[in-house]
Amino acid sequence: QHLEMCLLAVLLLLEKRARSSKWLEYVASLPWNSIDHLPLTWTPERLSSQLQGAAPQQGIEAKRQELRAAYASLCSCCTKDKGKDAHAEFVGACADAQAFIQAFALVHSR
């Protein structure tokens, strides 16, 4: 689900890491350090305290789980299909599932 936004999140992270890109100014202008107002980026503790079990909390938790699975799948694809260089490039740009979730939330907010 949301394949296009997942791929865009990965591309955004790769472009953020690039030294030169036609997207450099746009990527730099994105609010990377101020996305903590997006519930998808919240820790489970904050999510629980802010939403207190409301219906959106369950949906957000489910989406985070889907995105963690998508991240694991992307890591696996990079290793299997493209070798160590592709995997290193991907992990260099997107070190963990939380970074991927934050990039996805940023893409989704645009």
PDB file of N, CA and C in Angstrom:
ATOM      1  N   GLN A   1       0.832  -1.180   0.000  1.00  0.00           N
ATOM      2  CA  GLN A   1       0.000   0.000   0.000  1.00  0.00           C
ATOM      3  C   GLN A   1       0.882   1.252   0.000  1.00  0.00           C
ATOM      4  N   HIS A   2       0.454   2.267  -0.696  1.00  0.00           N
ATOM      5  CA  HIS A   2       1.200   3.526  -0.779  1.00  0.00           C
ATOM      6  C   HIS A   2       2.596   3.329  -1.379  1.00  0.00           C
ATOM      7  N   LEU A   3       2.700   2.465  -2.350  1.00  0.00           N
ATOM      8  CA  LEU A   3       3.989   2.153  -2.958  1.00  0.00           C
ATOM      9  C   LEU A   3       4.677   3.400  -3.488  1.00  0.00           C
ATOM     10  N   GLU A   4       3.922   4.256  -4.163  1.00  0.00           N
ATOM     11  CA  GLU A   4       4.526   5.456  -4.739  1.00  0.00           C
ATOM     12  C   GLU A   4       5.128   6.358  -3.667  1.00  0.00           C
ATOM     13  N   MET A   5       4.426   6.514  -2.559  1.00  0.00           N
ATOM     14  CA  MET A   5       4.954   7.383  -1.499  1.00  0.00           C
ATOM     15  C   MET A   5       6.154   6.743  -0.809  1.00  0.00           C
ATOM     16  N   CYS A   6       6.160   5.414  -0.699  1.00  0.00           N
ATOM     17  CA  CYS A   6       7.330   4.732  -0.129  1.00  0.00           C
ATOM     18  C   CYS A   6       8.549   4.947  -1.018  1.00  0.00           C
ATOM     19  N   LEU A   7       8.357   4.793  -2.311  1.00  0.00           N
ATOM     20  CA  LEU A   7       9.473   5.005  -3.232  1.00  0.00           C
ATOM     21  C   LEU A   7       9.921   6.459  -3.233  1.00  0.00           C
ATOM     22  N   LEU A   8       8.983   7.366  -3.165  1.00  0.00           N
ATOM     23  CA  LEU A   8       9.337   8.788  -3.105  1.00  0.00           C
ATOM     24  C   LEU A   8      10.096   9.107  -1.811  1.00  0.00           C
ATOM     25  N   ALA A   9       9.722   8.478  -0.720  1.00  0.00           N
ATOM     26  CA  ALA A   9      10.440   8.686   0.544  1.00  0.00           C
ATOM     27  C   ALA A   9      11.888   8.224   0.407  1.00  0.00           C
ATOM     28  N   VAL A  10      12.100   7.076  -0.225  1.00  0.00           N
ATOM     29  CA  VAL A  10      13.467   6.575  -0.434  1.00  0.00           C
ATOM     30  C   VAL A  10      14.239   7.527  -1.341  1.00  0.00           C
ATOM     31  N   LEU A  11      13.616   7.953  -2.425  1.00  0.00           N
ATOM     32  CA  LEU A  11      14.292   8.882  -3.342  1.00  0.00           C
ATOM     33  C   LEU A  11      14.637  10.192  -2.638  1.00  0.00           C
ATOM     34  N   LEU A  12      13.747  10.660  -1.814  1.00  0.00           N
ATOM     35  CA  LEU A  12      13.991  11.894  -1.065  1.00  0.00           C
ATOM     36  C   LEU A  12      15.204  11.734  -0.148  1.00  0.00           C
ATOM     37  N   LEU A  13      15.292  10.604   0.526  1.00  0.00           N
ATOM     38  CA  LEU A  13      16.441  10.347   1.399  1.00  0.00           C
ATOM     39  C   LEU A  13      17.734  10.228   0.601  1.00  0.00           C
ATOM     40  N   LEU A  14      17.665   9.585  -0.552  1.00  0.00           N
ATOM     41  CA  LEU A  14      18.858   9.482  -1.399  1.00  0.00           C
ATOM     42  C   LEU A  14      19.283  10.854  -1.914  1.00  0.00           C
ATOM     43  N   GLU A  15      18.322  11.674  -2.314  1.00  0.00           N
ATOM     44  CA  GLU A  15      18.630  13.023  -2.795  1.00  0.00           C
ATOM     45  C   GLU A  15      19.172  13.894  -1.667  1.00  0.00           C
ATOM     46  N   LYS A  16      18.668  13.693  -0.465  1.00  0.00           N
ATOM     47  CA  LYS A  16      19.160  14.461   0.686  1.00  0.00           C
ATOM     48  C   LYS A  16      20.641  14.181   0.917  1.00  0.00           C
ATOM     49  N   ARG A  17      21.047  12.977   0.648  1.00  0.00           N
ATOM     50  CA  ARG A  17      22.436  12.569   0.854  1.00  0.00           C
ATOM     51  C   ARG A  17      23.341  12.946  -0.326  1.00  0.00           C
ATOM     52  N   ALA A  18      22.756  13.178  -1.488  1.00  0.00           N
ATOM     53  CA  ALA A  18      23.537  13.460  -2.697  1.00  0.00           C
ATOM     54  C   ALA A  18      24.314  14.767  -2.549  1.00  0.00           C
ATOM     55  N   ARG A  19      25.472  14.790  -3.160  1.00  0.00           N
ATOM     56  CA  ARG A  19      26.301  16.007  -3.108  1.00  0.00           C
ATOM     57  C   ARG A  19      25.867  17.031  -4.148  1.00  0.00           C
ATOM     58  N   SER A  20      25.373  16.540  -5.259  1.00  0.00           N
ATOM     59  CA  SER A  20      24.851  17.447  -6.276  1.00  0.00           C
ATOM     60  C   SER A  20      23.608  16.814  -6.881  1.00  0.00           C
ATOM     61  N   SER A  21      22.610  17.628  -7.044  1.00  0.00           N
ATOM     62  CA  SER A  21      21.335  17.160  -7.558  1.00  0.00           C
ATOM     63  C   SER A  21      20.518  18.363  -7.990  1.00  0.00           C
ATOM     64  N   LYS A  22      19.701  18.173  -8.995  1.00  0.00           N
ATOM     65  CA  LYS A  22      18.835  19.281  -9.382  1.00  0.00           C
ATOM     66  C   LYS A  22      17.745  19.518  -8.331  1.00  0.00           C
ATOM     67  N   TRP A  23      17.578  18.564  -7.411  1.00  0.00           N
ATOM     68  CA  TRP A  23      16.588  18.666  -6.350  1.00  0.00           C
ATOM     69  C   TRP A  23      17.179  19.166  -5.037  1.00  0.00           C
ATOM     70  N   LEU A  24      18.447  19.483  -5.019  1.00  0.00           N
ATOM     71  CA  LEU A  24      19.146  19.823  -3.793  1.00  0.00           C
ATOM     72  C   LEU A  24      18.479  20.963  -3.019  1.00  0.00           C
ATOM     73  N   GLU A  25      18.129  22.032  -3.694  1.00  0.00           N
ATOM     74  CA  GLU A  25      17.504  23.169  -3.007  1.00  0.00           C
ATOM     75  C   GLU A  25      16.139  22.814  -2.443  1.00  0.00           C
ATOM     76  N   TYR A  26      15.360  22.069  -3.216  1.00  0.00           N
ATOM     77  CA  TYR A  26      14.039  21.669  -2.738  1.00  0.00           C
ATOM     78  C   TYR A  26      14.165  20.759  -1.515  1.00  0.00           C
ATOM     79  N   VAL A  27      15.014  19.754  -1.609  1.00  0.00           N
ATOM     80  CA  VAL A  27      15.195  18.812  -0.507  1.00  0.00           C
ATOM     81  C   VAL A  27      15.698  19.542   0.741  1.00  0.00           C
ATOM     82  N   ALA A  28      16.608  20.474   0.563  1.00  0.00           N
ATOM     83  CA  ALA A  28      17.135  21.237   1.703  1.00  0.00           C
ATOM     84  C   ALA A  28      16.059  22.130   2.330  1.00  0.00           C
ATOM     85  N   SER A  29      15.090  22.543   1.544  1.00  0.00           N
ATOM     86  CA  SER A  29      14.047  23.428   2.063  1.00  0.00           C
ATOM     87  C   SER A  29      12.966  22.698   2.857  1.00  0.00           C
ATOM     88  N   LEU A  30      12.951  21.388   2.784  1.00  0.00           N
ATOM     89  CA  LEU A  30      11.931  20.628   3.505  1.00  0.00           C
ATOM     90  C   LEU A  30      12.185  20.683   5.017  1.00  0.00           C
ATOM     91  N   PRO A  31      11.128  20.650   5.801  1.00  0.00           N
ATOM     92  CA  PRO A  31      11.265  20.794   7.262  1.00  0.00           C
ATOM     93  C   PRO A  31      11.691  19.497   7.962  1.00  0.00           C
ATOM     94  N   TRP A  32      12.873  18.990   7.638  1.00  0.00           N
ATOM     95  CA  TRP A  32      13.357  17.728   8.191  1.00  0.00           C
ATOM     96  C   TRP A  32      13.378  17.727   9.714  1.00  0.00           C
ATOM     97  N   ASN A  33      13.708  18.847  10.313  1.00  0.00           N
ATOM     98  CA  ASN A  33      13.857  18.904  11.771  1.00  0.00           C
ATOM     99  C   ASN A  33      12.609  19.371  12.500  1.00  0.00           C
ATOM    100  N   SER A  34      11.545  19.595  11.774  1.00  0.00           N
ATOM    101  CA  SER A  34      10.329  20.069  12.448  1.00  0.00           C
ATOM    102  C   SER A  34       9.100  19.287  11.985  1.00  0.00           C
ATOM    103  N   ILE A  35       9.222  17.971  12.010  1.00  0.00           N
ATOM    104  CA  ILE A  35       8.082  17.133  11.621  1.00  0.00           C
ATOM    105  C   ILE A  35       7.481  16.413  12.832  1.00  0.00           C
ATOM    106  N   ASP A  36       7.879  16.830  14.023  1.00  0.00           N
ATOM    107  CA  ASP A  36       7.394  16.149  15.213  1.00  0.00           C
ATOM    108  C   ASP A  36       5.917  16.416  15.503  1.00  0.00           C
ATOM    109  N   HIS A  37       5.285  17.274  14.723  1.00  0.00           N
ATOM    110  CA  HIS A  37       3.851  17.486  14.878  1.00  0.00           C
ATOM    111  C   HIS A  37       3.046  16.444  14.098  1.00  0.00           C
ATOM    112  N   LEU A  38       3.731  15.632  13.287  1.00  0.00           N
ATOM    113  CA  LEU A  38       3.058  14.597  12.498  1.00  0.00           C
ATOM    114  C   LEU A  38       2.959  13.322  13.326  1.00  0.00           C
ATOM    115  N   PRO A  39       1.757  12.881  13.654  1.00  0.00           N
ATOM    116  CA  PRO A  39       1.592  11.716  14.531  1.00  0.00           C
ATOM    117  C   PRO A  39       2.314  10.449  14.055  1.00  0.00           C
ATOM    118  N   LEU A  40       2.507  10.302  12.792  1.00  0.00           N
ATOM    119  CA  LEU A  40       3.202   9.128  12.278  1.00  0.00           C
ATOM    120  C   LEU A  40       4.643   9.061  12.784  1.00  0.00           C
ATOM    121  N   THR A  41       5.207  10.204  13.154  1.00  0.00           N
ATOM    122  CA  THR A  41       6.594  10.243  13.633  1.00  0.00           C
ATOM    123  C   THR A  41       6.698  10.125  15.152  1.00  0.00           C
ATOM    124  N   TRP A  42       5.590  10.100  15.841  1.00  0.00           N
ATOM    125  CA  TRP A  42       5.603  10.056  17.296  1.00  0.00           C
ATOM    126  C   TRP A  42       6.057   8.693  17.815  1.00  0.00           C
ATOM    127  N   THR A  43       6.657   8.705  18.992  1.00  0.00           N
ATOM    128  CA  THR A  43       6.992   7.446  19.665  1.00  0.00           C
ATOM    129  C   THR A  43       5.688   6.787  20.124  1.00  0.00           C
ATOM    130  N   PRO A  44       5.707   5.478  20.366  1.00  0.00           N
ATOM    131  CA  PRO A  44       4.497   4.817  20.881  1.00  0.00           C
ATOM    132  C   PRO A  44       3.988   5.445  22.183  1.00  0.00           C
ATOM    133  N   GLU A  45       4.911   5.879  23.028  1.00  0.00           N
ATOM    134  CA  GLU A  45       4.521   6.497  24.296  1.00  0.00           C
ATOM    135  C   GLU A  45       3.772   7.817  24.069  1.00  0.00           C
ATOM    136  N   ARG A  46       4.316   8.635  23.169  1.00  0.00           N
ATOM    137  CA  ARG A  46       3.662   9.923  22.892  1.00  0.00           C
ATOM    138  C   ARG A  46       2.314   9.698  22.215  1.00  0.00           C
ATOM    139  N   LEU A  47       2.275   8.758  21.311  1.00  0.00           N
ATOM    140  CA  LEU A  47       1.034   8.437  20.613  1.00  0.00           C
ATOM    141  C   LEU A  47      -0.039   8.029  21.622  1.00  0.00           C
ATOM    142  N   SER A  48       0.348   7.183  22.551  1.00  0.00           N
ATOM    143  CA  SER A  48      -0.587   6.707  23.575  1.00  0.00           C
ATOM    144  C   SER A  48      -1.054   7.841  24.480  1.00  0.00           C
ATOM    145  N   SER A  49      -0.127   8.687  24.909  1.00  0.00           N
ATOM    146  CA  SER A  49      -0.505   9.769  25.827  1.00  0.00           C
ATOM    147  C   SER A  49      -1.317  10.854  25.131  1.00  0.00           C
ATOM    148  N   GLN A  50      -1.035  11.114  23.864  1.00  0.00           N
ATOM    149  CA  GLN A  50      -1.761  12.166  23.146  1.00  0.00           C
ATOM    150  C   GLN A  50      -3.143  11.698  22.678  1.00  0.00           C
ATOM    151  N   LEU A  51      -3.233  10.473  22.196  1.00  0.00           N
ATOM    152  CA  LEU A  51      -4.496  10.011  21.609  1.00  0.00           C
ATOM    153  C   LEU A  51      -5.300   9.115  22.547  1.00  0.00           C
ATOM    154  N   GLN A  52      -4.686   8.620  23.580  1.00  0.00           N
ATOM    155  CA  GLN A  52      -5.346   7.856  24.635  1.00  0.00           C
ATOM    156  C   GLN A  52      -6.288   6.769  24.120  1.00  0.00           C
ATOM    157  N   GLY A  53      -5.825   6.004  23.144  1.00  0.00           N
ATOM    158  CA  GLY A  53      -6.598   4.872  22.643  1.00  0.00           C
ATOM    159  C   GLY A  53      -7.669   5.217  21.630  1.00  0.00           C
ATOM    160  N   ALA A  54      -7.734   6.460  21.190  1.00  0.00           N
ATOM    161  CA  ALA A  54      -8.736   6.855  20.194  1.00  0.00           C
ATOM    162  C   ALA A  54      -8.502   6.093  18.891  1.00  0.00           C
ATOM    163  N   ALA A  55      -9.517   6.000  18.075  1.00  0.00           N
ATOM    164  CA  ALA A  55      -9.452   5.238  16.822  1.00  0.00           C
ATOM    165  C   ALA A  55      -8.258   5.613  15.940  1.00  0.00           C
ATOM    166  N   PRO A  56      -7.904   6.897  15.800  1.00  0.00           N
ATOM    167  CA  PRO A  56      -6.741   7.225  14.965  1.00  0.00           C
ATOM    168  C   PRO A  56      -5.451   6.585  15.454  1.00  0.00           C
ATOM    169  N   GLN A  57      -5.331   6.371  16.765  1.00  0.00           N
ATOM    170  CA  GLN A  57      -4.117   5.764  17.307  1.00  0.00           C
ATOM    171  C   GLN A  57      -3.897   4.382  16.701  1.00  0.00           C
ATOM    172  N   GLN A  58      -4.928   3.603  16.606  1.00  0.00           N
ATOM    173  CA  GLN A  58      -4.817   2.250  16.051  1.00  0.00           C
ATOM    174  C   GLN A  58      -4.417   2.296  14.578  1.00  0.00           C
ATOM    175  N   GLY A  59      -4.978   3.228  13.842  1.00  0.00           N
ATOM    176  CA  GLY A  59      -4.633   3.384  12.432  1.00  0.00           C
ATOM    177  C   GLY A  59      -3.185   3.806  12.240  1.00  0.00           C
ATOM    178  N   ILE A  60      -2.726   4.708  13.087  1.00  0.00           N
ATOM    179  CA  ILE A  60      -1.333   5.175  13.008  1.00  0.00           C
ATOM    180  C   ILE A  60      -0.378   4.050  13.377  1.00  0.00           C
ATOM    181  N   GLU A  61      -0.706   3.304  14.423  1.00  0.00           N
ATOM    182  CA  GLU A  61       0.144   2.179  14.808  1.00  0.00           C
ATOM    183  C   GLU A  61       0.203   1.133  13.687  1.00  0.00           C
ATOM    184  N   ALA A  62      -0.927   0.880  13.046  1.00  0.00           N
ATOM    185  CA  ALA A  62      -0.966  -0.079  11.937  1.00  0.00           C
ATOM    186  C   ALA A  62      -0.127   0.427  10.759  1.00  0.00           C
ATOM    187  N   LYS A  63      -0.215   1.715  10.460  1.00  0.00           N
ATOM    188  CA  LYS A  63       0.566   2.300   9.361  1.00  0.00           C
ATOM    189  C   LYS A  63       2.060   2.220   9.667  1.00  0.00           C
ATOM    190  N   ARG A  64       2.446   2.497  10.901  1.00  0.00           N
ATOM    191  CA  ARG A  64       3.857   2.394  11.289  1.00  0.00           C
ATOM    192  C   ARG A  64       4.352   0.955  11.110  1.00  0.00           C
ATOM    193  N   GLN A  65       3.531  -0.007  11.465  1.00  0.00           N
ATOM    194  CA  GLN A  65       3.911  -1.408  11.296  1.00  0.00           C
ATOM    195  C   GLN A  65       4.077  -1.738   9.805  1.00  0.00           C
ATOM    196  N   GLU A  66       3.160  -1.261   8.975  1.00  0.00           N
ATOM    197  CA  GLU A  66       3.263  -1.464   7.519  1.00  0.00           C
ATOM    198  C   GLU A  66       4.552  -0.853   6.975  1.00  0.00           C
ATOM    199  N   LEU A  67       4.884   0.332   7.457  1.00  0.00           N
ATOM    200  CA  LEU A  67       6.085   1.016   6.977  1.00  0.00           C
ATOM    201  C   LEU A  67       7.362   0.326   7.456  1.00  0.00           C
ATOM    202  N   ARG A  68       7.344  -0.217   8.660  1.00  0.00           N
ATOM    203  CA  ARG A  68       8.501  -1.004   9.121  1.00  0.00           C
ATOM    204  C   ARG A  68       8.695  -2.237   8.234  1.00  0.00           C
ATOM    205  N   ALA A  69       7.586  -2.875   7.869  1.00  0.00           N
ATOM    206  CA  ALA A  69       7.657  -4.040   6.976  1.00  0.00           C
ATOM    207  C   ALA A  69       8.147  -3.626   5.591  1.00  0.00           C
ATOM    208  N   ALA A  70       7.704  -2.465   5.110  1.00  0.00           N
ATOM    209  CA  ALA A  70       8.152  -1.972   3.799  1.00  0.00           C
ATOM    210  C   ALA A  70       9.647  -1.678   3.833  1.00  0.00           C
ATOM    211  N   TYR A  71      10.120  -1.095   4.929  1.00  0.00           N
ATOM    212  CA  TYR A  71      11.556  -0.821   5.075  1.00  0.00           C
ATOM    213  C   TYR A  71      12.360  -2.122   5.037  1.00  0.00           C
ATOM    214  N   ALA A  72      11.910  -3.117   5.776  1.00  0.00           N
ATOM    215  CA  ALA A  72      12.604  -4.415   5.792  1.00  0.00           C
ATOM    216  C   ALA A  72      12.614  -5.031   4.400  1.00  0.00           C
ATOM    217  N   SER A  73      11.525  -4.898   3.692  1.00  0.00           N
ATOM    218  CA  SER A  73      11.434  -5.429   2.327  1.00  0.00           C
ATOM    219  C   SER A  73      12.388  -4.696   1.388  1.00  0.00           C
ATOM    220  N   LEU A  74      12.480  -3.389   1.525  1.00  0.00           N
ATOM    221  CA  LEU A  74      13.404  -2.607   0.703  1.00  0.00           C
ATOM    222  C   LEU A  74      14.854  -2.999   0.984  1.00  0.00           C
ATOM    223  N   CYS A  75      15.175  -3.181   2.254  1.00  0.00           N
ATOM    224  CA  CYS A  75      16.531  -3.622   2.612  1.00  0.00           C
ATOM    225  C   CYS A  75      16.837  -4.961   1.972  1.00  0.00           C
ATOM    226  N   SER A  76      15.886  -5.851   2.033  1.00  0.00           N
ATOM    227  CA  SER A  76      16.061  -7.181   1.466  1.00  0.00           C
ATOM    228  C   SER A  76      16.224  -7.117  -0.052  1.00  0.00           C
ATOM    229  N   CYS A  77      15.422  -6.300  -0.706  1.00  0.00           N
ATOM    230  CA  CYS A  77      15.511  -6.161  -2.167  1.00  0.00           C
ATOM    231  C   CYS A  77      16.866  -5.613  -2.584  1.00  0.00           C
ATOM    232  N   CYS A  78      17.344  -4.636  -1.869  1.00  0.00           N
ATOM    233  CA  CYS A  78      18.644  -4.046  -2.204  1.00  0.00           C
ATOM    234  C   CYS A  78      19.750  -5.086  -2.104  1.00  0.00           C
ATOM    235  N   THR A  79      19.685  -5.911  -1.094  1.00  0.00           N
ATOM    236  CA  THR A  79      20.717  -6.921  -0.888  1.00  0.00           C
ATOM    237  C   THR A  79      20.640  -8.008  -1.948  1.00  0.00           C
ATOM    238  N   LYS A  80      19.439  -8.489  -2.200  1.00  0.00           N
ATOM    239  CA  LYS A  80      19.262  -9.604  -3.132  1.00  0.00           C
ATOM    240  C   LYS A  80      19.519  -9.206  -4.574  1.00  0.00           C
ATOM    241  N   ASP A  81      18.916  -8.115  -4.991  1.00  0.00           N
ATOM    242  CA  ASP A  81      18.906  -7.777  -6.416  1.00  0.00           C
ATOM    243  C   ASP A  81      20.088  -6.939  -6.880  1.00  0.00           C
ATOM    244  N   LYS A  82      20.630  -6.124  -6.014  1.00  0.00           N
ATOM    245  CA  LYS A  82      21.628  -5.149  -6.473  1.00  0.00           C
ATOM    246  C   LYS A  82      22.992  -5.303  -5.832  1.00  0.00           C
ATOM    247  N   GLY A  83      23.111  -6.149  -4.838  1.00  0.00           N
ATOM    248  CA  GLY A  83      24.407  -6.372  -4.229  1.00  0.00           C
ATOM    249  C   GLY A  83      24.709  -5.422  -3.085  1.00  0.00           C
ATOM    250  N   LYS A  84      25.924  -5.529  -2.604  1.00  0.00           N
ATOM    251  CA  LYS A  84      26.339  -4.781  -1.413  1.00  0.00           C
ATOM    252  C   LYS A  84      26.379  -3.276  -1.631  1.00  0.00           C
ATOM    253  N   ASP A  85      26.729  -2.823  -2.836  1.00  0.00           N
ATOM    254  CA  ASP A  85      26.804  -1.375  -3.081  1.00  0.00           C
ATOM    255  C   ASP A  85      25.440  -0.715  -2.945  1.00  0.00           C
ATOM    256  N   ALA A  86      24.423  -1.338  -3.546  1.00  0.00           N
ATOM    257  CA  ALA A  86      23.073  -0.773  -3.455  1.00  0.00           C
ATOM    258  C   ALA A  86      22.582  -0.794  -2.016  1.00  0.00           C
ATOM    259  N   HIS A  87      22.862  -1.868  -1.317  1.00  0.00           N
ATOM    260  CA  HIS A  87      22.438  -1.955   0.075  1.00  0.00           C
ATOM    261  C   HIS A  87      23.142  -0.892   0.924  1.00  0.00           C
ATOM    262  N   ALA A  88      24.427  -0.716   0.707  1.00  0.00           N
ATOM    263  CA  ALA A  88      25.177   0.302   1.454  1.00  0.00           C
ATOM    264  C   ALA A  88      24.647   1.703   1.151  1.00  0.00           C
ATOM    265  N   GLU A  89      24.338   1.972  -0.099  1.00  0.00           N
ATOM    266  CA  GLU A  89      23.797   3.286  -0.483  1.00  0.00           C
ATOM    267  C   GLU A  89      22.440   3.517   0.178  1.00  0.00           C
ATOM    268  N   PHE A  90      21.600   2.490   0.154  1.00  0.00           N
ATOM    269  CA  PHE A  90      20.270   2.605   0.756  1.00  0.00           C
ATOM    270  C   PHE A  90      20.380   2.823   2.264  1.00  0.00           C
ATOM    271  N   VAL A  91      21.165   1.992   2.931  1.00  0.00           N
ATOM    272  CA  VAL A  91      21.306   2.104   4.381  1.00  0.00           C
ATOM    273  C   VAL A  91      22.014   3.409   4.754  1.00  0.00           C
ATOM    274  N   GLY A  92      22.918   3.877   3.913  1.00  0.00           N
ATOM    275  CA  GLY A  92      23.564   5.158   4.169  1.00  0.00           C
ATOM    276  C   GLY A  92      22.579   6.311   4.152  1.00  0.00           C
ATOM    277  N   ALA A  93      21.597   6.230   3.268  1.00  0.00           N
ATOM    278  CA  ALA A  93      20.593   7.285   3.161  1.00  0.00           C
ATOM    279  C   ALA A  93      19.450   7.083   4.161  1.00  0.00           C
ATOM    280  N   CYS A  94      19.166   5.848   4.442  1.00  0.00           N
ATOM    281  CA  CYS A  94      18.014   5.500   5.277  1.00  0.00           C
ATOM    282  C   CYS A  94      18.456   4.471   6.304  1.00  0.00           C
ATOM    283  N   ALA A  95      19.067   4.931   7.361  1.00  0.00           N
ATOM    284  CA  ALA A  95      19.754   4.067   8.325  1.00  0.00           C
ATOM    285  C   ALA A  95      18.843   3.090   9.060  1.00  0.00           C
ATOM    286  N   ASP A  96      17.597   3.476   9.273  1.00  0.00           N
ATOM    287  CA  ASP A  96      16.706   2.587  10.018  1.00  0.00           C
ATOM    288  C   ASP A  96      15.254   2.858   9.643  1.00  0.00           C
ATOM    289  N   ALA A  97      14.377   2.028  10.179  1.00  0.00           N
ATOM    290  CA  ALA A  97      12.957   2.149   9.857  1.00  0.00           C
ATOM    291  C   ALA A  97      12.388   3.495  10.295  1.00  0.00           C
ATOM    292  N   GLN A  98      12.875   4.033  11.400  1.00  0.00           N
ATOM    293  CA  GLN A  98      12.365   5.321  11.869  1.00  0.00           C
ATOM    294  C   GLN A  98      12.683   6.437  10.873  1.00  0.00           C
ATOM    295  N   ALA A  99      13.876   6.434  10.301  1.00  0.00           N
ATOM    296  CA  ALA A  99      14.228   7.435   9.279  1.00  0.00           C
ATOM    297  C   ALA A  99      13.312   7.293   8.068  1.00  0.00           C
ATOM    298  N   PHE A 100      13.019   6.061   7.689  1.00  0.00           N
ATOM    299  CA  PHE A 100      12.118   5.811   6.569  1.00  0.00           C
ATOM    300  C   PHE A 100      10.709   6.314   6.890  1.00  0.00           C
ATOM    301  N   ILE A 101      10.235   6.041   8.095  1.00  0.00           N
ATOM    302  CA  ILE A 101       8.901   6.499   8.504  1.00  0.00           C
ATOM    303  C   ILE A 101       8.841   8.024   8.514  1.00  0.00           C
ATOM    304  N   GLN A 102       9.891   8.674   8.980  1.00  0.00           N
ATOM    305  CA  GLN A 102       9.914  10.138   8.989  1.00  0.00           C
ATOM    306  C   GLN A 102       9.891  10.693   7.570  1.00  0.00           C
ATOM    307  N   ALA A 103      10.652  10.088   6.661  1.00  0.00           N
ATOM    308  CA  ALA A 103      10.642  10.540   5.269  1.00  0.00           C
ATOM    309  C   ALA A 103       9.270  10.309   4.645  1.00  0.00           C
ATOM    310  N   PHE A 104       8.650   9.183   4.942  1.00  0.00           N
ATOM    311  CA  PHE A 104       7.309   8.898   4.436  1.00  0.00           C
ATOM    312  C   PHE A 104       6.324   9.952   4.956  1.00  0.00           C
ATOM    313  N   ALA A 105       6.413  10.259   6.249  1.00  0.00           N
ATOM    314  CA  ALA A 105       5.511  11.264   6.832  1.00  0.00           C
ATOM    315  C   ALA A 105       5.715  12.625   6.157  1.00  0.00           C
ATOM    316  N   LEU A 106       6.952  12.956   5.867  1.00  0.00           N
ATOM    317  CA  LEU A 106       7.243  14.214   5.185  1.00  0.00           C
ATOM    318  C   LEU A 106       6.642  14.226   3.782  1.00  0.00           C
ATOM    319  N   VAL A 107       6.826  13.131   3.061  1.00  0.00           N
ATOM    320  CA  VAL A 107       6.229  13.008   1.721  1.00  0.00           C
ATOM    321  C   VAL A 107       4.701  13.102   1.817  1.00  0.00           C
ATOM    322  N   HIS A 108       4.142  12.395   2.761  1.00  0.00           N
ATOM    323  CA  HIS A 108       2.683  12.378   2.914  1.00  0.00           C
ATOM    324  C   HIS A 108       2.139  13.753   3.263  1.00  0.00           C
ATOM    325  N   SER A 109       2.920  14.559   3.958  1.00  0.00           N
ATOM    326  CA  SER A 109       2.459  15.891   4.362  1.00  0.00           C
ATOM    327  C   SER A 109       2.498  16.911   3.217  1.00  0.00           C
ATOM    328  N   ARG A 110       3.192  16.584   2.139  1.00  0.00           N
ATOM    329  CA  ARG A 110       3.273  17.521   1.036  1.00  0.00           C
ATOM    330  C   ARG A 110       2.024  17.414   0.256  1.00  0.00           C
TER     331      ARG A 110
END
